[in-house]
Amino acid sequence: MRKILVIGAGGIGSFLIPLLDKVGLYDIKVADPDSVEEKNIPYQNFDKEHIGKNKAVVMEKSYESINHGTQYPILTKKQMQGYDLVICCVDNLSVRRTLYNTSLKWLDLRAQGRNAALVSHKADPKMYDMLLAGEEGSFSCQGDSWDGTNKGVHFMQVAIAGLGAQWTQRFFNGEEVKEYTVLNM
């Protein structure tokens, strides 16, 4: 069993985790300090019965491969060590900066509206300045302009989660994997 740490169980992570679980080859830890909110239902892989519950704990109770769901955030290199792969599924530049500056094997999955990106530890570090530009902190992928409906939901989270799951499978099979991939709709 390969040990995977998934940081974030929201828009991308909530779709990635069931895909990784389905193959039954991974021992997964999920970390996310957030609870499911009603506004998450249209674009994340949760149901109304999950509202108010911690996202990582919901994943742990829902999927057999999840050995631990923690509501504590992963913020340091030390917390990321001991895994065969760390998959970042959060909109948090501080976490990404920490991850990118390690020698760990990692995969960063991003999505927003009509765009998505997959960046791996194999990418040229010269790209990092562009990928890590912006203010410190965590950002919501639905933004402040979200009107509470699902009319503007674009399924880029699902698309990048699928590519991330496929990348992970190929990586562990020793097959060639891309350094990065960008999707635009």
Protein backbone atom coordinates (compact mmCIF):
# COMPACT_ATOMS: atom_id res chain seq x y z
CA MET A 1 0.00 0.00 0.00
CA ARG A 2 1.31 3.41 -0.96
CA LYS A 3 0.91 6.12 1.66
CA ILE A 4 -0.75 9.30 0.39
CA LEU A 5 -1.48 12.54 2.21
CA VAL A 6 -4.33 14.55 0.68
CA ILE A 7 -4.39 18.13 1.89
CA GLY A 8 -7.90 19.47 1.34
CA ALA A 9 -11.18 17.62 0.95
CA GLY A 10 -13.22 20.36 -0.73
CA GLY A 11 -13.85 21.12 -4.40
CA ILE A 12 -11.04 18.94 -5.76
CA GLY A 13 -10.20 16.63 -2.86
CA SER A 14 -13.80 15.50 -2.37
CA PHE A 15 -13.80 14.13 -5.94
CA LEU A 16 -10.20 12.85 -5.93
CA ILE A 17 -10.54 10.76 -2.77
CA PRO A 18 -13.31 8.43 -4.09
CA LEU A 19 -11.27 7.82 -7.26
CA LEU A 20 -8.16 6.88 -5.29
CA ASP A 21 -10.25 4.77 -2.90
CA LYS A 22 -11.86 2.83 -5.74
CA VAL A 23 -8.59 1.19 -6.84
CA GLY A 24 -7.85 -0.04 -3.30
CA LEU A 25 -4.09 0.47 -3.57
CA TYR A 26 -3.58 3.40 -1.23
CA ASP A 27 -3.41 4.12 2.48
CA ILE A 28 -4.71 7.69 2.61
CA LYS A 29 -4.67 10.40 5.26
CA VAL A 30 -6.89 13.42 4.62
CA ALA A 31 -6.45 16.77 6.32
CA ASP A 32 -8.94 19.63 6.15
CA PRO A 33 -9.93 22.02 8.95
CA ASP A 34 -13.17 23.08 7.22
CA SER A 35 -16.68 21.86 7.79
CA VAL A 36 -19.21 21.23 5.04
CA GLU A 37 -21.40 24.28 4.46
CA GLU A 38 -24.62 24.53 2.48
CA LYS A 39 -22.81 26.60 -0.16
CA ASN A 40 -20.44 23.63 -0.78
CA ILE A 41 -23.20 21.25 -1.88
CA PRO A 42 -23.52 22.42 -5.54
CA TYR A 43 -19.82 22.03 -6.38
CA GLN A 44 -18.29 19.62 -3.86
CA ASN A 45 -18.87 15.89 -3.39
CA PHE A 46 -20.97 16.16 -0.24
CA ASP A 47 -24.66 15.76 0.58
CA LYS A 48 -26.92 17.90 2.76
CA GLU A 49 -26.58 15.38 5.60
CA HIS A 50 -22.88 16.31 5.81
CA ILE A 51 -23.53 20.00 6.56
CA GLY A 52 -21.78 21.03 9.76
CA LYS A 53 -19.43 18.03 9.77
CA ASN A 54 -15.69 18.23 9.18
CA LYS A 55 -14.84 17.43 5.54
CA ALA A 56 -11.88 15.15 6.35
CA VAL A 57 -13.89 13.19 8.91
CA VAL A 58 -16.76 12.76 6.39
CA MET A 59 -14.24 11.35 3.89
CA GLU A 60 -12.77 8.99 6.50
CA LYS A 61 -16.22 7.63 7.37
CA SER A 62 -17.20 7.31 3.71
CA TYR A 63 -14.16 5.61 2.15
CA GLU A 64 -12.31 2.48 3.21
CA SER A 65 -8.84 3.63 2.07
CA ILE A 66 -8.89 6.64 4.37
CA ASN A 67 -7.02 5.59 7.48
CA HIS A 68 -7.25 8.98 9.13
CA GLY A 69 -9.25 12.14 8.59
CA THR A 70 -7.99 15.09 10.57
CA GLN A 71 -9.46 18.52 11.07
CA TYR A 72 -6.03 19.91 11.88
CA PRO A 73 -4.36 21.82 9.03
CA ILE A 74 -1.15 20.65 7.41
CA LEU A 75 1.16 23.66 7.44
CA THR A 76 4.72 22.41 7.90
CA LYS A 77 7.20 20.24 6.05
CA LYS A 78 7.42 17.95 9.08
CA GLN A 79 3.67 17.24 8.84
CA MET A 80 4.11 16.30 5.18
CA GLN A 81 6.91 13.79 5.72
CA GLY A 82 6.50 10.00 5.74
CA TYR A 83 4.25 9.74 2.68
CA ASP A 84 4.99 8.31 -0.75
CA LEU A 85 3.03 11.23 -2.27
CA VAL A 86 1.52 14.45 -0.93
CA ILE A 87 -1.41 15.78 -2.96
CA CYS A 88 -2.34 19.44 -2.42
CA CYS A 89 -6.00 20.25 -3.10
CA VAL A 90 -6.26 23.56 -1.22
CA ASP A 91 -6.37 27.20 -2.29
CA ASN A 92 -3.64 28.18 0.13
CA LEU A 93 -0.42 29.68 -1.17
CA SER A 94 1.39 29.25 2.15
CA VAL A 95 0.83 25.49 2.08
CA ARG A 96 1.88 25.37 -1.58
CA ARG A 97 5.05 27.36 -0.89
CA THR A 98 5.98 24.96 1.89
CA LEU A 99 5.28 21.93 -0.30
CA TYR A 100 7.13 23.25 -3.36
CA ASN A 101 10.23 23.90 -1.25
CA THR A 102 10.62 20.31 -0.09
CA SER A 103 12.29 17.31 -1.64
CA LEU A 104 9.05 15.33 -1.17
CA LYS A 105 7.11 13.78 -4.04
CA TRP A 106 4.07 16.00 -4.49
CA LEU A 107 1.19 16.83 -6.79
CA ASP A 108 -0.65 20.16 -6.74
CA LEU A 109 -4.18 20.20 -8.16
CA ARG A 110 -5.90 23.54 -8.81
CA ALA A 111 -9.23 24.60 -10.29
CA GLN A 112 -11.16 27.80 -10.65
CA GLY A 113 -14.17 28.33 -12.87
CA ARG A 114 -13.13 27.41 -16.39
CA ASN A 115 -9.46 26.66 -15.69
CA ALA A 116 -7.56 23.94 -13.89
CA ALA A 117 -3.95 22.88 -13.47
CA LEU A 118 -1.94 19.88 -12.35
CA VAL A 119 1.63 20.61 -11.25
CA SER A 120 4.00 17.93 -9.99
CA HIS A 121 7.31 17.82 -8.17
CA LYS A 122 8.82 17.07 -11.58
CA ALA A 123 8.03 20.59 -12.88
CA ASP A 124 10.83 23.05 -13.55
CA PRO A 125 11.41 25.09 -10.36
CA LYS A 126 11.72 28.18 -12.60
CA MET A 127 7.90 28.00 -12.88
CA TYR A 128 7.42 28.27 -9.12
CA ASP A 129 7.61 32.06 -8.93
CA MET A 130 4.64 32.35 -11.27
CA LEU A 131 2.72 29.48 -9.63
CA LEU A 132 3.24 30.80 -6.11
CA ALA A 133 2.64 34.50 -6.80
CA GLY A 134 -0.03 36.26 -4.81
CA GLU A 135 -1.04 37.17 -1.32
CA GLU A 136 -0.44 34.88 1.63
CA GLY A 137 -3.38 32.92 2.92
CA SER A 138 -6.26 30.80 1.90
CA PHE A 139 -8.71 31.68 -0.85
CA SER A 140 -12.15 30.35 -1.63
CA CYS A 141 -12.48 28.88 -5.09
CA GLN A 142 -16.06 30.13 -5.46
CA GLY A 143 -14.98 33.71 -4.70
CA ASP A 144 -17.01 36.54 -3.27
CA SER A 145 -19.26 36.81 -6.32
CA TRP A 146 -20.89 33.40 -5.87
CA ASP A 147 -24.67 33.83 -5.93
CA GLY A 148 -25.56 30.67 -4.00
CA THR A 149 -26.82 28.69 -7.00
CA ASN A 150 -25.23 26.00 -9.11
CA LYS A 151 -25.92 27.74 -12.44
CA GLY A 152 -22.31 28.88 -12.75
CA VAL A 153 -20.65 25.74 -11.48
CA HIS A 154 -18.10 24.50 -13.94
CA PHE A 155 -16.87 20.98 -13.31
CA MET A 156 -13.18 21.74 -13.51
CA GLN A 157 -12.74 20.30 -10.00
CA VAL A 158 -14.02 16.95 -11.25
CA ALA A 159 -11.83 17.11 -14.37
CA ILE A 160 -8.63 17.91 -12.50
CA ALA A 161 -9.43 15.34 -9.80
CA GLY A 162 -9.73 12.70 -12.54
CA LEU A 163 -6.43 13.74 -14.08
CA GLY A 164 -4.84 13.76 -10.63
CA ALA A 165 -6.05 10.23 -9.91
CA GLN A 166 -4.76 9.03 -13.28
CA TRP A 167 -1.40 10.80 -12.73
CA THR A 168 -1.12 9.16 -9.29
CA GLN A 169 -1.84 5.69 -10.67
CA ARG A 170 0.71 6.08 -13.46
CA PHE A 171 3.31 7.59 -11.11
CA PHE A 172 3.10 4.60 -8.78
CA ASN A 173 3.17 2.19 -11.73
CA GLY A 174 6.49 3.72 -12.81
CA GLU A 175 4.98 5.06 -16.03
CA GLU A 176 5.82 8.40 -17.59
CA VAL A 177 3.86 11.29 -16.08
CA LYS A 178 3.57 14.94 -17.07
CA GLU A 179 5.35 17.62 -15.13
CA TYR A 180 2.29 19.83 -15.41
CA THR A 181 -0.98 20.09 -17.32
CA VAL A 182 -3.30 23.06 -17.78
CA LEU A 183 -6.98 22.78 -18.73
CA ASN A 184 -8.92 25.70 -20.19
CA MET A 185 -12.58 25.66 -21.14
